[in-house]
Amino acid sequence: MPKTILHARPVPQRTCVGCGTVRPKREMVRVIRTPEGSVVADPTGKMSGRGAYLCREASCWKAGLAKGRLERALKTPVSRADLDALSDFASSLGLVVATA
């Protein structure tokens, strides 16, 4: 009788653009640049587009949105309307993020 060896699947890791911490992909929020050029949050992680990840912490969202780190990671400018929508999404997660 042959022995079967089970291999554990590696957990995907991603780097937060706000703080630079490497964490499991499931613990982070994906933000994407859509093919149309807008920037939106992708809570499912399955939308098409260039993605960047942020921790579920207010300090990471503030750094990512305010310091231009998200723009650099997505290689596109983020409009004021997109920043407001991302701030609203962060507040729905229970985070307090104010964009200037």
N, C-alpha and C. Protein backbone atom coordinates (compact mmCIF):
# COMPACT_ATOMS: atom_id res chain seq x y z
N MET A 1 0.83 -1.17 0.00
CA MET A 1 0.00 0.00 0.00
C MET A 1 0.89 1.25 0.00
N PRO A 2 0.77 2.13 -1.04
CA PRO A 2 1.63 3.31 -1.11
C PRO A 2 1.23 4.35 -0.06
N LYS A 3 2.23 5.02 0.44
CA LYS A 3 1.99 6.08 1.42
C LYS A 3 1.76 7.38 0.66
N THR A 4 0.79 8.14 1.09
CA THR A 4 0.55 9.45 0.48
C THR A 4 1.10 10.53 1.40
N ILE A 5 1.77 11.45 0.79
CA ILE A 5 2.35 12.56 1.55
C ILE A 5 1.54 13.81 1.25
N LEU A 6 1.02 14.43 2.28
CA LEU A 6 0.26 15.66 2.12
C LEU A 6 1.18 16.85 2.35
N HIS A 7 1.15 17.76 1.42
CA HIS A 7 1.95 18.97 1.55
C HIS A 7 1.03 20.14 1.88
N ALA A 8 1.40 20.91 2.85
CA ALA A 8 0.62 22.10 3.20
C ALA A 8 0.87 23.17 2.15
N ARG A 9 -0.20 23.80 1.74
CA ARG A 9 -0.08 24.89 0.76
C ARG A 9 0.52 26.11 1.45
N PRO A 10 1.44 26.77 0.79
CA PRO A 10 2.00 27.98 1.41
C PRO A 10 0.95 29.09 1.48
N VAL A 11 1.00 29.86 2.54
CA VAL A 11 0.07 30.98 2.71
C VAL A 11 0.62 32.17 1.93
N PRO A 12 -0.17 32.75 0.99
CA PRO A 12 0.32 33.90 0.23
C PRO A 12 0.61 35.08 1.16
N GLN A 13 1.74 35.72 0.96
CA GLN A 13 2.15 36.87 1.76
C GLN A 13 2.13 38.12 0.90
N ARG A 14 1.76 39.24 1.47
CA ARG A 14 1.76 40.53 0.76
C ARG A 14 2.36 41.59 1.68
N THR A 15 2.88 42.65 1.06
CA THR A 15 3.49 43.75 1.80
C THR A 15 2.55 44.95 1.81
N CYS A 16 2.36 45.52 2.98
CA CYS A 16 1.51 46.70 3.14
C CYS A 16 2.24 47.92 2.57
N VAL A 17 1.55 48.71 1.74
CA VAL A 17 2.19 49.92 1.21
C VAL A 17 2.23 51.04 2.23
N GLY A 18 1.46 50.90 3.31
CA GLY A 18 1.45 51.92 4.36
C GLY A 18 2.60 51.78 5.33
N CYS A 19 2.84 50.55 5.81
CA CYS A 19 3.86 50.36 6.84
C CYS A 19 5.01 49.45 6.41
N GLY A 20 4.85 48.71 5.33
CA GLY A 20 5.91 47.84 4.85
C GLY A 20 5.96 46.48 5.51
N THR A 21 4.97 46.16 6.34
CA THR A 21 4.93 44.88 7.03
C THR A 21 4.44 43.78 6.08
N VAL A 22 5.06 42.62 6.13
CA VAL A 22 4.62 41.47 5.33
C VAL A 22 3.67 40.65 6.19
N ARG A 23 2.47 40.42 5.66
CA ARG A 23 1.44 39.68 6.38
C ARG A 23 0.73 38.73 5.42
N PRO A 24 -0.03 37.78 5.96
CA PRO A 24 -0.84 36.93 5.09
C PRO A 24 -1.84 37.76 4.29
N LYS A 25 -2.03 37.38 3.05
CA LYS A 25 -2.89 38.11 2.13
C LYS A 25 -4.31 38.29 2.67
N ARG A 26 -4.84 37.30 3.34
CA ARG A 26 -6.21 37.35 3.87
C ARG A 26 -6.39 38.37 4.98
N GLU A 27 -5.32 38.80 5.62
CA GLU A 27 -5.42 39.77 6.71
C GLU A 27 -5.38 41.21 6.21
N MET A 28 -5.23 41.39 4.90
CA MET A 28 -5.06 42.73 4.35
C MET A 28 -6.21 43.08 3.40
N VAL A 29 -6.29 44.35 3.04
CA VAL A 29 -7.30 44.83 2.11
C VAL A 29 -6.59 45.20 0.80
N ARG A 30 -7.13 44.71 -0.30
CA ARG A 30 -6.56 45.02 -1.61
C ARG A 30 -7.22 46.27 -2.16
N VAL A 31 -6.42 47.16 -2.70
CA VAL A 31 -6.89 48.36 -3.38
C VAL A 31 -6.38 48.25 -4.81
N ILE A 32 -7.26 48.49 -5.79
CA ILE A 32 -6.84 48.30 -7.18
C ILE A 32 -7.01 49.55 -8.02
N ARG A 33 -6.23 49.57 -9.10
CA ARG A 33 -6.43 50.54 -10.18
C ARG A 33 -7.18 49.78 -11.26
N THR A 34 -8.40 50.20 -11.52
CA THR A 34 -9.22 49.51 -12.51
C THR A 34 -8.70 49.80 -13.92
N PRO A 35 -9.08 48.98 -14.89
CA PRO A 35 -8.67 49.27 -16.28
C PRO A 35 -9.14 50.64 -16.77
N GLU A 36 -10.21 51.17 -16.16
CA GLU A 36 -10.69 52.51 -16.54
C GLU A 36 -9.88 53.62 -15.91
N GLY A 37 -9.03 53.29 -14.91
CA GLY A 37 -8.17 54.28 -14.29
C GLY A 37 -8.60 54.74 -12.91
N SER A 38 -9.76 54.32 -12.43
CA SER A 38 -10.16 54.72 -11.08
C SER A 38 -9.51 53.80 -10.06
N VAL A 39 -9.49 54.23 -8.81
CA VAL A 39 -8.89 53.47 -7.72
C VAL A 39 -9.99 53.12 -6.73
N VAL A 40 -10.17 51.82 -6.48
CA VAL A 40 -11.24 51.35 -5.60
C VAL A 40 -10.72 50.26 -4.68
N ALA A 41 -11.43 50.05 -3.56
CA ALA A 41 -11.11 48.95 -2.65
C ALA A 41 -11.69 47.67 -3.23
N ASP A 42 -10.98 46.58 -3.05
CA ASP A 42 -11.40 45.27 -3.54
C ASP A 42 -11.45 44.30 -2.36
N PRO A 43 -12.56 44.28 -1.61
CA PRO A 43 -12.62 43.42 -0.44
C PRO A 43 -12.55 41.93 -0.76
N THR A 44 -12.98 41.53 -1.97
CA THR A 44 -12.94 40.11 -2.34
C THR A 44 -11.56 39.68 -2.79
N GLY A 45 -10.76 40.63 -3.29
CA GLY A 45 -9.42 40.31 -3.79
C GLY A 45 -9.43 39.65 -5.15
N LYS A 46 -10.54 39.74 -5.87
CA LYS A 46 -10.66 39.04 -7.15
C LYS A 46 -10.90 39.95 -8.35
N MET A 47 -11.02 41.24 -8.12
CA MET A 47 -11.25 42.15 -9.23
C MET A 47 -10.00 42.27 -10.08
N SER A 48 -10.19 42.53 -11.38
CA SER A 48 -9.03 42.68 -12.25
C SER A 48 -8.48 44.09 -12.14
N GLY A 49 -7.18 44.21 -12.24
CA GLY A 49 -6.52 45.50 -12.15
C GLY A 49 -5.26 45.39 -11.32
N ARG A 50 -4.43 46.41 -11.41
CA ARG A 50 -3.20 46.44 -10.63
C ARG A 50 -3.54 46.65 -9.17
N GLY A 51 -2.99 45.85 -8.29
CA GLY A 51 -3.36 45.90 -6.88
C GLY A 51 -2.24 46.30 -5.95
N ALA A 52 -2.64 46.81 -4.81
CA ALA A 52 -1.74 47.13 -3.70
C ALA A 52 -2.48 46.74 -2.43
N TYR A 53 -1.76 46.47 -1.38
CA TYR A 53 -2.37 45.99 -0.14
C TYR A 53 -2.11 46.93 1.02
N LEU A 54 -3.12 47.04 1.89
CA LEU A 54 -3.02 47.84 3.12
C LEU A 54 -3.49 46.99 4.29
N CYS A 55 -2.80 47.14 5.43
CA CYS A 55 -3.22 46.46 6.66
C CYS A 55 -4.57 47.01 7.09
N ARG A 56 -5.22 46.32 7.97
CA ARG A 56 -6.50 46.79 8.52
C ARG A 56 -6.25 47.65 9.75
N GLU A 57 -5.35 48.62 9.62
CA GLU A 57 -5.02 49.55 10.70
C GLU A 57 -5.11 50.97 10.18
N ALA A 58 -5.61 51.86 11.01
CA ALA A 58 -5.81 53.25 10.59
C ALA A 58 -4.50 53.92 10.19
N SER A 59 -3.42 53.63 10.90
CA SER A 59 -2.15 54.28 10.59
C SER A 59 -1.66 53.90 9.19
N CYS A 60 -1.90 52.68 8.78
CA CYS A 60 -1.49 52.25 7.44
C CYS A 60 -2.32 52.94 6.36
N TRP A 61 -3.62 53.07 6.61
CA TRP A 61 -4.49 53.74 5.64
C TRP A 61 -4.12 55.22 5.54
N LYS A 62 -3.82 55.86 6.68
CA LYS A 62 -3.43 57.27 6.64
C LYS A 62 -2.15 57.45 5.85
N ALA A 63 -1.15 56.61 6.10
CA ALA A 63 0.12 56.72 5.39
C ALA A 63 -0.05 56.39 3.91
N GLY A 64 -0.83 55.39 3.61
CA GLY A 64 -1.03 54.99 2.22
C GLY A 64 -1.77 56.04 1.41
N LEU A 65 -2.76 56.67 2.01
CA LEU A 65 -3.56 57.66 1.29
C LEU A 65 -2.93 59.04 1.28
N ALA A 66 -2.35 59.46 2.40
CA ALA A 66 -1.87 60.83 2.52
C ALA A 66 -0.47 61.04 1.95
N LYS A 67 0.40 60.07 2.10
CA LYS A 67 1.79 60.27 1.70
C LYS A 67 2.09 59.85 0.25
N GLY A 68 1.07 59.48 -0.49
CA GLY A 68 1.26 59.13 -1.89
C GLY A 68 1.83 57.74 -2.13
N ARG A 69 1.89 56.93 -1.11
CA ARG A 69 2.43 55.58 -1.27
C ARG A 69 1.53 54.72 -2.14
N LEU A 70 0.23 54.93 -2.02
CA LEU A 70 -0.72 54.17 -2.83
C LEU A 70 -0.59 54.57 -4.30
N GLU A 71 -0.42 55.85 -4.55
CA GLU A 71 -0.23 56.32 -5.92
C GLU A 71 1.02 55.71 -6.54
N ARG A 72 2.08 55.63 -5.78
CA ARG A 72 3.33 55.06 -6.28
C ARG A 72 3.18 53.56 -6.56
N ALA A 73 2.50 52.85 -5.67
CA ALA A 73 2.32 51.42 -5.84
C ALA A 73 1.41 51.09 -7.03
N LEU A 74 0.39 51.91 -7.23
CA LEU A 74 -0.55 51.67 -8.32
C LEU A 74 -0.13 52.33 -9.63
N LYS A 75 0.91 53.16 -9.56
CA LYS A 75 1.45 53.86 -10.73
C LYS A 75 0.40 54.71 -11.44
N THR A 76 -0.39 55.42 -10.63
CA THR A 76 -1.40 56.33 -11.16
C THR A 76 -1.77 57.35 -10.11
N PRO A 77 -2.13 58.56 -10.51
CA PRO A 77 -2.61 59.52 -9.51
C PRO A 77 -3.99 59.10 -9.01
N VAL A 78 -4.25 59.36 -7.73
CA VAL A 78 -5.54 59.01 -7.12
C VAL A 78 -6.35 60.29 -7.00
N SER A 79 -7.54 60.29 -7.60
CA SER A 79 -8.38 61.49 -7.58
C SER A 79 -8.95 61.73 -6.19
N ARG A 80 -9.43 62.94 -5.98
CA ARG A 80 -10.03 63.31 -4.69
C ARG A 80 -11.25 62.45 -4.40
N ALA A 81 -12.06 62.18 -5.43
CA ALA A 81 -13.26 61.35 -5.25
C ALA A 81 -12.87 59.94 -4.85
N ASP A 82 -11.81 59.40 -5.45
CA ASP A 82 -11.36 58.05 -5.09
C ASP A 82 -10.82 58.02 -3.66
N LEU A 83 -10.09 59.07 -3.25
CA LEU A 83 -9.60 59.15 -1.88
C LEU A 83 -10.75 59.18 -0.88
N ASP A 84 -11.80 59.93 -1.20
CA ASP A 84 -12.96 59.99 -0.32
C ASP A 84 -13.65 58.64 -0.23
N ALA A 85 -13.76 57.95 -1.37
CA ALA A 85 -14.40 56.63 -1.38
C ALA A 85 -13.57 55.62 -0.58
N LEU A 86 -12.25 55.69 -0.69
CA LEU A 86 -11.39 54.80 0.09
C LEU A 86 -11.47 55.11 1.58
N SER A 87 -11.57 56.39 1.93
CA SER A 87 -11.73 56.77 3.33
C SER A 87 -13.06 56.25 3.88
N ASP A 88 -14.11 56.33 3.07
CA ASP A 88 -15.41 55.80 3.49
C ASP A 88 -15.33 54.28 3.68
N PHE A 89 -14.62 53.60 2.78
CA PHE A 89 -14.47 52.15 2.91
C PHE A 89 -13.71 51.82 4.19
N ALA A 90 -12.65 52.58 4.48
CA ALA A 90 -11.87 52.34 5.70
C ALA A 90 -12.74 52.57 6.94
N SER A 91 -13.61 53.58 6.91
CA SER A 91 -14.47 53.81 8.06
C SER A 91 -15.50 52.70 8.21
N SER A 92 -15.87 52.04 7.11
CA SER A 92 -16.79 50.89 7.22
C SER A 92 -16.10 49.70 7.87
N LEU A 93 -14.77 49.68 7.84
CA LEU A 93 -14.00 48.65 8.54
C LEU A 93 -13.80 48.98 10.01
N GLY A 94 -14.25 50.19 10.40
CA GLY A 94 -14.09 50.61 11.79
C GLY A 94 -12.84 51.43 12.01
N LEU A 95 -12.21 51.89 10.94
CA LEU A 95 -11.00 52.69 11.03
C LEU A 95 -11.34 54.15 10.85
N VAL A 96 -10.65 55.03 11.55
CA VAL A 96 -10.86 56.46 11.42
C VAL A 96 -9.72 57.01 10.58
N VAL A 97 -10.05 57.39 9.34
CA VAL A 97 -9.04 57.90 8.41
C VAL A 97 -9.53 59.22 7.87
N ALA A 98 -8.77 60.28 8.07
CA ALA A 98 -9.11 61.59 7.53
C ALA A 98 -8.13 61.95 6.44
N THR A 99 -8.64 62.27 5.26
CA THR A 99 -7.78 62.69 4.16
C THR A 99 -7.80 64.20 4.08
N ALA A 100 -6.64 64.78 3.87
CA ALA A 100 -6.54 66.24 3.80
C ALA A 100 -6.71 66.75 2.40
